[in-house]
PDB file of all heavy atoms in Angstrom:
ATOM      1  N   ASN A   1     -14.206   4.360  -3.835  1.00  0.00           N
ATOM      2  CA  ASN A   1     -13.316   4.525  -4.945  1.00  0.00           C
ATOM      3  C   ASN A   1     -11.870   4.031  -4.567  1.00  0.00           C
ATOM      4  O   ASN A   1     -11.249   3.322  -5.393  1.00  0.00           O
ATOM      5  CB  ASN A   1     -13.164   5.977  -5.340  1.00  0.00           C
ATOM      6  CG  ASN A   1     -14.201   6.439  -6.279  1.00  0.00           C
ATOM      7  OD1 ASN A   1     -14.763   7.557  -6.072  1.00  0.00           O
ATOM      8  ND2 ASN A   1     -14.535   5.727  -7.318  1.00  0.00           N
ATOM      9  N   TYR A   2     -11.414   4.377  -3.403  1.00  0.00           N
ATOM     10  CA  TYR A   2     -10.073   3.975  -3.030  1.00  0.00           C
ATOM     11  C   TYR A   2     -10.000   2.456  -2.724  1.00  0.00           C
ATOM     12  O   TYR A   2      -8.961   1.800  -3.027  1.00  0.00           O
ATOM     13  CB  TYR A   2      -9.598   4.764  -1.794  1.00  0.00           C
ATOM     14  CG  TYR A   2      -9.075   6.182  -2.206  1.00  0.00           C
ATOM     15  CD1 TYR A   2      -9.754   7.319  -1.932  1.00  0.00           C
ATOM     16  CD2 TYR A   2      -7.855   6.254  -2.920  1.00  0.00           C
ATOM     17  CE1 TYR A   2      -9.324   8.542  -2.315  1.00  0.00           C
ATOM     18  CE2 TYR A   2      -7.397   7.509  -3.272  1.00  0.00           C
ATOM     19  CZ  TYR A   2      -8.113   8.632  -2.983  1.00  0.00           C
ATOM     20  OH  TYR A   2      -7.654   9.856  -3.365  1.00  0.00           O
ATOM     21  N   VAL A   3     -11.041   1.911  -2.128  1.00  0.00           N
ATOM     22  CA  VAL A   3     -10.974   0.532  -1.738  1.00  0.00           C
ATOM     23  C   VAL A   3     -11.058  -0.371  -2.949  1.00  0.00           C
ATOM     24  O   VAL A   3     -10.374  -1.394  -3.017  1.00  0.00           O
ATOM     25  CB  VAL A   3     -12.217   0.187  -0.819  1.00  0.00           C
ATOM     26  CG1 VAL A   3     -12.426  -1.326  -0.597  1.00  0.00           C
ATOM     27  CG2 VAL A   3     -12.048   0.861   0.585  1.00  0.00           C
ATOM     28  N   LYS A   4     -11.816   0.007  -3.970  1.00  0.00           N
ATOM     29  CA  LYS A   4     -11.981  -0.803  -5.142  1.00  0.00           C
ATOM     30  C   LYS A   4     -11.166  -0.375  -6.388  1.00  0.00           C
ATOM     31  O   LYS A   4     -11.209  -0.966  -7.453  1.00  0.00           O
ATOM     32  CB  LYS A   4     -13.469  -0.833  -5.629  1.00  0.00           C
ATOM     33  CG  LYS A   4     -14.363  -1.450  -4.580  1.00  0.00           C
ATOM     34  CD  LYS A   4     -14.058  -2.947  -4.446  1.00  0.00           C
ATOM     35  CE  LYS A   4     -15.090  -3.709  -3.673  1.00  0.00           C
ATOM     36  NZ  LYS A   4     -14.896  -5.123  -3.745  1.00  0.00           N
ATOM     37  N   ARG A   5     -10.352   0.622  -6.204  1.00  0.00           N
ATOM     38  CA  ARG A   5      -9.564   1.187  -7.324  1.00  0.00           C
ATOM     39  C   ARG A   5      -8.643   0.168  -7.955  1.00  0.00           C
ATOM     40  O   ARG A   5      -8.514   0.072  -9.197  1.00  0.00           O
ATOM     41  CB  ARG A   5      -8.737   2.355  -6.853  1.00  0.00           C
ATOM     42  CG  ARG A   5      -7.944   3.025  -7.918  1.00  0.00           C
ATOM     43  CD  ARG A   5      -7.375   4.376  -7.578  1.00  0.00           C
ATOM     44  NE  ARG A   5      -6.489   4.287  -6.388  1.00  0.00           N
ATOM     45  CZ  ARG A   5      -5.730   5.297  -6.054  1.00  0.00           C
ATOM     46  NH1 ARG A   5      -5.761   6.453  -6.713  1.00  0.00           N
ATOM     47  NH2 ARG A   5      -4.978   5.206  -4.998  1.00  0.00           N
ATOM     48  N   SER A   6      -8.065  -0.734  -7.133  1.00  0.00           N
ATOM     49  CA  SER A   6      -7.168  -1.774  -7.690  1.00  0.00           C
ATOM     50  C   SER A   6      -7.906  -2.735  -8.572  1.00  0.00           C
ATOM     51  O   SER A   6      -7.377  -3.272  -9.571  1.00  0.00           O
ATOM     52  CB  SER A   6      -6.432  -2.473  -6.579  1.00  0.00           C
ATOM     53  OG  SER A   6      -7.398  -3.179  -5.745  1.00  0.00           O
ATOM     54  N   GLU A   7      -9.207  -3.020  -8.298  1.00  0.00           N
ATOM     55  CA  GLU A   7      -9.973  -3.909  -9.104  1.00  0.00           C
ATOM     56  C   GLU A   7     -10.310  -3.243 -10.477  1.00  0.00           C
ATOM     57  O   GLU A   7     -10.478  -3.977 -11.501  1.00  0.00           O
ATOM     58  CB  GLU A   7     -11.305  -4.255  -8.454  1.00  0.00           C
ATOM     59  CG  GLU A   7     -11.164  -5.202  -7.223  1.00  0.00           C
ATOM     60  CD  GLU A   7     -12.428  -5.563  -6.599  1.00  0.00           C
ATOM     61  OE1 GLU A   7     -13.424  -5.703  -7.315  1.00  0.00           O
ATOM     62  OE2 GLU A   7     -12.463  -5.739  -5.339  1.00  0.00           O
ATOM     63  N   ALA A   8     -10.352  -1.953 -10.531  1.00  0.00           N
ATOM     64  CA  ALA A   8     -10.668  -1.227 -11.740  1.00  0.00           C
ATOM     65  C   ALA A   8      -9.432  -1.082 -12.643  1.00  0.00           C
ATOM     66  O   ALA A   8      -9.548  -0.865 -13.878  1.00  0.00           O
ATOM     67  CB  ALA A   8     -11.266   0.174 -11.474  1.00  0.00           C
ATOM     68  N   ARG A   9      -8.267  -1.255 -11.999  1.00  0.00           N
ATOM     69  CA  ARG A   9      -7.008  -1.070 -12.818  1.00  0.00           C
ATOM     70  C   ARG A   9      -6.968  -2.019 -14.005  1.00  0.00           C
ATOM     71  O   ARG A   9      -7.248  -3.145 -13.906  1.00  0.00           O
ATOM     72  CB  ARG A   9      -5.811  -1.314 -11.928  1.00  0.00           C
ATOM     73  CG  ARG A   9      -4.550  -0.768 -12.474  1.00  0.00           C
ATOM     74  CD  ARG A   9      -3.466  -0.539 -11.467  1.00  0.00           C
ATOM     75  NE  ARG A   9      -3.724   0.607 -10.607  1.00  0.00           N
ATOM     76  CZ  ARG A   9      -3.877   0.575  -9.293  1.00  0.00           C
ATOM     77  NH1 ARG A   9      -3.725  -0.556  -8.607  1.00  0.00           N
ATOM     78  NH2 ARG A   9      -4.114   1.671  -8.597  1.00  0.00           N
ATOM     79  N   GLY A  10      -6.640  -1.448 -15.137  1.00  0.00           N
ATOM     80  CA  GLY A  10      -6.561  -2.254 -16.370  1.00  0.00           C
ATOM     81  C   GLY A  10      -7.829  -2.370 -17.070  1.00  0.00           C
ATOM     82  O   GLY A  10      -7.902  -2.968 -18.189  1.00  0.00           O
ATOM     83  N   THR A  11      -8.915  -1.764 -16.606  1.00  0.00           N
ATOM     84  CA  THR A  11     -10.225  -1.800 -17.250  1.00  0.00           C
ATOM     85  C   THR A  11     -10.573  -0.386 -17.689  1.00  0.00           C
ATOM     86  O   THR A  11      -9.954   0.583 -17.164  1.00  0.00           O
ATOM     87  CB  THR A  11     -11.377  -2.370 -16.364  1.00  0.00           C
ATOM     88  OG1 THR A  11     -11.632  -1.428 -15.345  1.00  0.00           O
ATOM     89  CG2 THR A  11     -10.973  -3.716 -15.759  1.00  0.00           C
ATOM     90  N   TRP A  12     -11.568  -0.205 -18.505  1.00  0.00           N
ATOM     91  CA  TRP A  12     -12.012   1.158 -18.876  1.00  0.00           C
ATOM     92  C   TRP A  12     -12.656   1.860 -17.692  1.00  0.00           C
ATOM     93  O   TRP A  12     -12.752   3.086 -17.715  1.00  0.00           O
ATOM     94  CB  TRP A  12     -12.886   1.128 -20.101  1.00  0.00           C
ATOM     95  CG  TRP A  12     -14.184   0.353 -19.979  1.00  0.00           C
ATOM     96  CD1 TRP A  12     -14.336  -1.024 -20.255  1.00  0.00           C
ATOM     97  CD2 TRP A  12     -15.398   0.781 -19.483  1.00  0.00           C
ATOM     98  NE1 TRP A  12     -15.630  -1.337 -19.979  1.00  0.00           N
ATOM     99  CE2 TRP A  12     -16.329  -0.227 -19.533  1.00  0.00           C
ATOM    100  CE3 TRP A  12     -15.862   2.069 -19.104  1.00  0.00           C
ATOM    101  CZ2 TRP A  12     -17.643  -0.154 -19.154  1.00  0.00           C
ATOM    102  CZ3 TRP A  12     -17.203   2.166 -18.691  1.00  0.00           C
ATOM    103  CH2 TRP A  12     -18.090   1.075 -18.747  1.00  0.00           C
ATOM    104  N   LEU A  13     -13.000   1.158 -16.633  1.00  0.00           N
ATOM    105  CA  LEU A  13     -13.608   1.792 -15.450  1.00  0.00           C
ATOM    106  C   LEU A  13     -12.531   2.519 -14.610  1.00  0.00           C
ATOM    107  O   LEU A  13     -12.851   3.364 -13.820  1.00  0.00           O
ATOM    108  CB  LEU A  13     -14.273   0.753 -14.571  1.00  0.00           C
ATOM    109  CG  LEU A  13     -15.641   0.224 -15.082  1.00  0.00           C
ATOM    110  CD1 LEU A  13     -16.220  -0.721 -14.042  1.00  0.00           C
ATOM    111  CD2 LEU A  13     -16.587   1.367 -15.332  1.00  0.00           C
ATOM    112  N   GLU A  14     -11.245   2.223 -14.866  1.00  0.00           N
ATOM    113  CA  GLU A  14     -10.196   2.894 -14.142  1.00  0.00           C
ATOM    114  C   GLU A  14     -10.298   4.394 -14.370  1.00  0.00           C
ATOM    115  O   GLU A  14     -10.071   5.163 -13.441  1.00  0.00           O
ATOM    116  CB  GLU A  14      -8.826   2.411 -14.603  1.00  0.00           C
ATOM    117  CG  GLU A  14      -7.634   2.978 -13.957  1.00  0.00           C
ATOM    118  CD  GLU A  14      -6.346   2.353 -14.338  1.00  0.00           C
ATOM    119  OE1 GLU A  14      -6.263   1.581 -15.304  1.00  0.00           O
ATOM    120  OE2 GLU A  14      -5.310   2.721 -13.734  1.00  0.00           O
ATOM    121  N   SER A  15     -10.593   4.786 -15.573  1.00  0.00           N
ATOM    122  CA  SER A  15     -10.755   6.151 -15.882  1.00  0.00           C
ATOM    123  C   SER A  15     -11.873   6.855 -15.085  1.00  0.00           C
ATOM    124  O   SER A  15     -11.812   8.007 -14.671  1.00  0.00           O
ATOM    125  CB  SER A  15     -10.905   6.488 -17.343  1.00  0.00           C
ATOM    126  OG  SER A  15     -12.123   5.910 -17.807  1.00  0.00           O
ATOM    127  N   HIS A  16     -12.935   6.111 -14.865  1.00  0.00           N
ATOM    128  CA  HIS A  16     -14.071   6.638 -14.081  1.00  0.00           C
ATOM    129  C   HIS A  16     -13.697   6.772 -12.596  1.00  0.00           C
ATOM    130  O   HIS A  16     -14.057   7.812 -11.926  1.00  0.00           O
ATOM    131  CB  HIS A  16     -15.323   5.754 -14.174  1.00  0.00           C
ATOM    132  CG  HIS A  16     -16.012   5.919 -15.538  1.00  0.00           C
ATOM    133  ND1 HIS A  16     -16.979   6.907 -15.680  1.00  0.00           N
ATOM    134  CD2 HIS A  16     -15.864   5.252 -16.671  1.00  0.00           C
ATOM    135  CE1 HIS A  16     -17.436   6.856 -16.951  1.00  0.00           C
ATOM    136  NE2 HIS A  16     -16.749   5.839 -17.544  1.00  0.00           N
ATOM    137  N   PHE A  17     -12.966   5.839 -12.076  1.00  0.00           N
ATOM    138  CA  PHE A  17     -12.543   5.897 -10.695  1.00  0.00           C
ATOM    139  C   PHE A  17     -11.629   7.107 -10.512  1.00  0.00           C
ATOM    140  O   PHE A  17     -11.737   7.823  -9.547  1.00  0.00           O
ATOM    141  CB  PHE A  17     -11.800   4.625 -10.265  1.00  0.00           C
ATOM    142  CG  PHE A  17     -12.797   3.551  -9.771  1.00  0.00           C
ATOM    143  CD1 PHE A  17     -13.658   2.977 -10.662  1.00  0.00           C
ATOM    144  CD2 PHE A  17     -12.719   3.135  -8.467  1.00  0.00           C
ATOM    145  CE1 PHE A  17     -14.546   1.946 -10.227  1.00  0.00           C
ATOM    146  CE2 PHE A  17     -13.599   2.153  -8.002  1.00  0.00           C
ATOM    147  CZ  PHE A  17     -14.531   1.534  -8.912  1.00  0.00           C
ATOM    148  N   ARG A  18     -10.692   7.305 -11.470  1.00  0.00           N
ATOM    149  CA  ARG A  18      -9.793   8.464 -11.422  1.00  0.00           C
ATOM    150  C   ARG A  18     -10.612   9.798 -11.480  1.00  0.00           C
ATOM    151  O   ARG A  18     -10.369  10.716 -10.785  1.00  0.00           O
ATOM    152  CB  ARG A  18      -8.754   8.356 -12.542  1.00  0.00           C
ATOM    153  CG  ARG A  18      -7.729   9.513 -12.507  1.00  0.00           C
ATOM    154  CD  ARG A  18      -6.606   9.263 -13.605  1.00  0.00           C
ATOM    155  NE  ARG A  18      -7.125   8.974 -14.904  1.00  0.00           N
ATOM    156  CZ  ARG A  18      -7.085   7.767 -15.511  1.00  0.00           C
ATOM    157  NH1 ARG A  18      -6.512   6.735 -14.900  1.00  0.00           N
ATOM    158  NH2 ARG A  18      -7.575   7.588 -16.697  1.00  0.00           N
ATOM    159  N   TRP A  19     -11.605   9.819 -12.401  1.00  0.00           N
ATOM    160  CA  TRP A  19     -12.462  10.977 -12.592  1.00  0.00           C
ATOM    161  C   TRP A  19     -13.240  11.313 -11.273  1.00  0.00           C
ATOM    162  O   TRP A  19     -13.291  12.461 -10.858  1.00  0.00           O
ATOM    163  CB  TRP A  19     -13.478  10.671 -13.728  1.00  0.00           C
ATOM    164  CG  TRP A  19     -14.400  11.717 -14.096  1.00  0.00           C
ATOM    165  CD1 TRP A  19     -15.732  11.839 -13.603  1.00  0.00           C
ATOM    166  CD2 TRP A  19     -14.266  12.841 -14.965  1.00  0.00           C
ATOM    167  NE1 TRP A  19     -16.345  12.947 -14.219  1.00  0.00           N
ATOM    168  CE2 TRP A  19     -15.444  13.576 -15.032  1.00  0.00           C
ATOM    169  CE3 TRP A  19     -13.204  13.255 -15.730  1.00  0.00           C
ATOM    170  CZ2 TRP A  19     -15.643  14.723 -15.830  1.00  0.00           C
ATOM    171  CZ3 TRP A  19     -13.325  14.409 -16.543  1.00  0.00           C
ATOM    172  CH2 TRP A  19     -14.567  15.105 -16.518  1.00  0.00           C
ATOM    173  N   GLN A  20     -13.792  10.307 -10.652  1.00  0.00           N
ATOM    174  CA  GLN A  20     -14.528  10.512  -9.405  1.00  0.00           C
ATOM    175  C   GLN A  20     -13.649  10.992  -8.259  1.00  0.00           C
ATOM    176  O   GLN A  20     -13.982  11.937  -7.508  1.00  0.00           O
ATOM    177  CB  GLN A  20     -15.242   9.209  -9.037  1.00  0.00           C
ATOM    178  CG  GLN A  20     -16.325   8.807  -9.959  1.00  0.00           C
ATOM    179  CD  GLN A  20     -16.783   7.354  -9.780  1.00  0.00           C
ATOM    180  OE1 GLN A  20     -16.036   6.495  -9.334  1.00  0.00           O
ATOM    181  NE2 GLN A  20     -17.997   7.098 -10.210  1.00  0.00           N
ATOM    182  N   ILE A  21     -12.479  10.362  -8.109  1.00  0.00           N
ATOM    183  CA  ILE A  21     -11.538  10.763  -7.110  1.00  0.00           C
ATOM    184  C   ILE A  21     -11.077  12.175  -7.284  1.00  0.00           C
ATOM    185  O   ILE A  21     -11.019  12.975  -6.359  1.00  0.00           O
ATOM    186  CB  ILE A  21     -10.370   9.737  -7.007  1.00  0.00           C
ATOM    187  CG1 ILE A  21     -10.883   8.409  -6.450  1.00  0.00           C
ATOM    188  CG2 ILE A  21      -9.235  10.302  -6.139  1.00  0.00           C
ATOM    189  CD1 ILE A  21      -9.839   7.280  -6.562  1.00  0.00           C
ATOM    190  N   ARG A  22     -10.697  12.506  -8.511  1.00  0.00           N
ATOM    191  CA  ARG A  22     -10.212  13.888  -8.799  1.00  0.00           C
ATOM    192  C   ARG A  22     -11.283  14.891  -8.616  1.00  0.00           C
ATOM    193  O   ARG A  22     -10.982  16.029  -8.180  1.00  0.00           O
ATOM    194  CB  ARG A  22      -9.645  13.918 -10.213  1.00  0.00           C
ATOM    195  CG  ARG A  22      -8.316  13.217 -10.355  1.00  0.00           C
ATOM    196  CD  ARG A  22      -7.787  13.363 -11.751  1.00  0.00           C
ATOM    197  NE  ARG A  22      -6.485  12.746 -11.853  1.00  0.00           N
ATOM    198  CZ  ARG A  22      -5.784  12.643 -12.941  1.00  0.00           C
ATOM    199  NH1 ARG A  22      -6.260  13.094 -14.081  1.00  0.00           N
ATOM    200  NH2 ARG A  22      -4.577  12.064 -12.954  1.00  0.00           N
ATOM    201  N   THR A  23     -12.547  14.564  -8.935  1.00  0.00           N
ATOM    202  CA  THR A  23     -13.635  15.494  -8.732  1.00  0.00           C
ATOM    203  C   THR A  23     -13.723  15.860  -7.234  1.00  0.00           C
ATOM    204  O   THR A  23     -13.832  17.045  -6.901  1.00  0.00           O
ATOM    205  CB  THR A  23     -14.965  14.876  -9.186  1.00  0.00           C
ATOM    206  OG1 THR A  23     -14.911  14.594 -10.625  1.00  0.00           O
ATOM    207  CG2 THR A  23     -16.132  15.826  -8.936  1.00  0.00           C
ATOM    208  N   PHE A  24     -13.632  14.862  -6.379  1.00  0.00           N
ATOM    209  CA  PHE A  24     -13.707  15.120  -4.968  1.00  0.00           C
ATOM    210  C   PHE A  24     -12.549  16.005  -4.488  1.00  0.00           C
ATOM    211  O   PHE A  24     -12.726  17.013  -3.837  1.00  0.00           O
ATOM    212  CB  PHE A  24     -13.734  13.807  -4.243  1.00  0.00           C
ATOM    213  CG  PHE A  24     -13.864  13.947  -2.696  1.00  0.00           C
ATOM    214  CD1 PHE A  24     -15.101  14.124  -2.125  1.00  0.00           C
ATOM    215  CD2 PHE A  24     -12.736  13.960  -1.906  1.00  0.00           C
ATOM    216  CE1 PHE A  24     -15.197  14.317  -0.759  1.00  0.00           C
ATOM    217  CE2 PHE A  24     -12.858  14.188  -0.533  1.00  0.00           C
ATOM    218  CZ  PHE A  24     -14.138  14.291   0.057  1.00  0.00           C
ATOM    219  N   TRP A  25     -11.330  15.546  -4.782  1.00  0.00           N
ATOM    220  CA  TRP A  25     -10.132  16.266  -4.239  1.00  0.00           C
ATOM    221  C   TRP A  25      -9.894  17.636  -4.853  1.00  0.00           C
ATOM    222  O   TRP A  25      -9.535  18.580  -4.183  1.00  0.00           O
ATOM    223  CB  TRP A  25      -8.872  15.406  -4.351  1.00  0.00           C
ATOM    224  CG  TRP A  25      -8.924  14.233  -3.390  1.00  0.00           C
ATOM    225  CD1 TRP A  25      -9.066  12.894  -3.754  1.00  0.00           C
ATOM    226  CD2 TRP A  25      -8.913  14.294  -1.978  1.00  0.00           C
ATOM    227  NE1 TRP A  25      -9.067  12.147  -2.631  1.00  0.00           N
ATOM    228  CE2 TRP A  25      -9.074  12.962  -1.489  1.00  0.00           C
ATOM    229  CE3 TRP A  25      -8.868  15.320  -1.039  1.00  0.00           C
ATOM    230  CZ2 TRP A  25      -9.060  12.676  -0.169  1.00  0.00           C
ATOM    231  CZ3 TRP A  25      -8.886  15.000   0.273  1.00  0.00           C
ATOM    232  CH2 TRP A  25      -9.012  13.699   0.701  1.00  0.00           C
TER     233      TRP A  25
END
């Protein structure tokens, strides 16, 4: 998630990366 988060920025997948990271933390 952290390694690829910048690639997701600006796409609708950005919200999924945020969701996954927040779930963990």
